[in-house]
Amino acid sequence: MDYYLEFVFPEKQIRYIAVTEGEDTEKGLSDFVPFRNLFNDKYS
């Protein structure tokens, strides 16, 4: 997910919104996003 958030989405001008986590790429992502992605990856 980090790869998509940092490289793919900006290149293709895709706006990512995570409603339950309060994240929006237009406003800037919080510092906790990499940690959430890591935990979600290990959980699945």
N, C-alpha and C. Protein backbone atom coordinates (compact mmCIF):
# COMPACT_ATOMS: atom_id res chain seq x y z
N MET A 1 0.82 -1.18 0.00
CA MET A 1 0.00 0.00 0.00
C MET A 1 0.86 1.25 0.00
N ASP A 2 1.99 1.19 0.69
CA ASP A 2 2.88 2.36 0.70
C ASP A 2 3.34 2.72 -0.71
N TYR A 3 3.65 1.70 -1.50
CA TYR A 3 4.09 1.94 -2.88
C TYR A 3 3.01 2.68 -3.66
N TYR A 4 1.78 2.26 -3.51
CA TYR A 4 0.67 2.92 -4.22
C TYR A 4 0.48 4.36 -3.74
N LEU A 5 0.52 4.56 -2.43
CA LEU A 5 0.31 5.90 -1.88
C LEU A 5 1.42 6.88 -2.28
N GLU A 6 2.65 6.37 -2.40
CA GLU A 6 3.77 7.26 -2.69
C GLU A 6 4.07 7.43 -4.16
N PHE A 7 3.79 6.40 -4.97
CA PHE A 7 4.21 6.46 -6.37
C PHE A 7 3.06 6.38 -7.38
N VAL A 8 2.24 5.38 -7.27
CA VAL A 8 1.21 5.12 -8.29
C VAL A 8 0.10 6.16 -8.25
N PHE A 9 -0.47 6.40 -7.07
CA PHE A 9 -1.60 7.33 -6.97
C PHE A 9 -1.23 8.75 -7.40
N PRO A 10 -0.10 9.31 -6.93
CA PRO A 10 0.25 10.66 -7.39
C PRO A 10 0.52 10.72 -8.90
N GLU A 11 1.14 9.69 -9.43
CA GLU A 11 1.45 9.66 -10.86
C GLU A 11 0.18 9.67 -11.71
N LYS A 12 -0.83 8.96 -11.25
CA LYS A 12 -2.09 8.86 -11.99
C LYS A 12 -3.14 9.85 -11.49
N GLN A 13 -2.73 10.73 -10.59
CA GLN A 13 -3.60 11.76 -10.01
C GLN A 13 -4.85 11.16 -9.37
N ILE A 14 -4.63 10.12 -8.55
CA ILE A 14 -5.72 9.45 -7.84
C ILE A 14 -5.76 9.97 -6.41
N ARG A 15 -6.94 10.34 -5.96
CA ARG A 15 -7.13 10.80 -4.59
C ARG A 15 -7.57 9.61 -3.74
N TYR A 16 -6.85 9.35 -2.68
CA TYR A 16 -7.15 8.24 -1.78
C TYR A 16 -7.79 8.80 -0.51
N ILE A 17 -8.95 8.26 -0.16
CA ILE A 17 -9.65 8.69 1.04
C ILE A 17 -10.00 7.44 1.86
N ALA A 18 -9.55 7.40 3.10
CA ALA A 18 -9.90 6.34 4.04
C ALA A 18 -10.82 6.97 5.08
N VAL A 19 -12.10 6.78 4.93
CA VAL A 19 -13.09 7.46 5.76
C VAL A 19 -12.96 7.07 7.22
N THR A 20 -12.87 5.79 7.51
CA THR A 20 -12.84 5.35 8.91
C THR A 20 -11.56 5.76 9.62
N GLU A 21 -10.48 5.96 8.87
CA GLU A 21 -9.20 6.35 9.47
C GLU A 21 -8.95 7.85 9.36
N GLY A 22 -9.81 8.56 8.66
CA GLY A 22 -9.67 10.00 8.55
C GLY A 22 -8.50 10.45 7.70
N GLU A 23 -8.15 9.66 6.70
CA GLU A 23 -7.00 9.98 5.84
C GLU A 23 -7.48 10.46 4.47
N ASP A 24 -6.79 11.44 3.94
CA ASP A 24 -7.11 11.99 2.63
C ASP A 24 -5.81 12.50 2.02
N THR A 25 -5.46 12.01 0.83
CA THR A 25 -4.21 12.42 0.20
C THR A 25 -4.23 13.89 -0.20
N GLU A 26 -5.41 14.45 -0.38
CA GLU A 26 -5.48 15.87 -0.74
C GLU A 26 -5.05 16.76 0.43
N LYS A 27 -5.36 16.33 1.64
CA LYS A 27 -4.99 17.08 2.84
C LYS A 27 -3.61 16.70 3.35
N GLY A 28 -3.07 15.60 2.85
CA GLY A 28 -1.80 15.08 3.35
C GLY A 28 -2.06 13.95 4.32
N LEU A 29 -1.25 12.93 4.27
CA LEU A 29 -1.43 11.77 5.12
C LEU A 29 -0.71 11.96 6.44
N SER A 30 -1.25 11.35 7.48
CA SER A 30 -0.62 11.46 8.80
C SER A 30 0.62 10.57 8.86
N ASP A 31 1.38 10.76 9.92
CA ASP A 31 2.60 9.97 10.12
C ASP A 31 2.31 8.53 10.50
N PHE A 32 1.07 8.22 10.84
CA PHE A 32 0.70 6.88 11.28
C PHE A 32 0.36 5.94 10.12
N VAL A 33 0.22 6.46 8.93
CA VAL A 33 -0.18 5.64 7.78
C VAL A 33 0.78 4.48 7.53
N PRO A 34 2.10 4.69 7.53
CA PRO A 34 3.00 3.54 7.31
C PRO A 34 2.85 2.45 8.37
N PHE A 35 2.60 2.86 9.62
CA PHE A 35 2.42 1.88 10.69
C PHE A 35 1.11 1.11 10.51
N ARG A 36 0.04 1.81 10.15
CA ARG A 36 -1.24 1.13 9.90
C ARG A 36 -1.10 0.14 8.75
N ASN A 37 -0.40 0.54 7.70
CA ASN A 37 -0.21 -0.35 6.56
C ASN A 37 0.58 -1.59 6.97
N LEU A 38 1.58 -1.40 7.80
CA LEU A 38 2.37 -2.53 8.28
C LEU A 38 1.53 -3.48 9.11
N PHE A 39 0.74 -2.94 10.04
CA PHE A 39 -0.12 -3.78 10.88
C PHE A 39 -1.19 -4.49 10.04
N ASN A 40 -1.78 -3.78 9.09
CA ASN A 40 -2.79 -4.40 8.23
C ASN A 40 -2.19 -5.50 7.37
N ASP A 41 -0.96 -5.32 6.92
CA ASP A 41 -0.30 -6.35 6.12
C ASP A 41 -0.04 -7.60 6.94
N LYS A 42 0.41 -7.42 8.18
CA LYS A 42 0.68 -8.57 9.05
C LYS A 42 -0.61 -9.25 9.50
N TYR A 43 -1.68 -8.49 9.67
CA TYR A 43 -2.95 -9.05 10.10
C TYR A 43 -3.53 -9.99 9.07
N SER A 44 -3.44 -9.61 7.81
CA SER A 44 -4.03 -10.45 6.76
C SER A 44 -3.15 -11.63 6.48
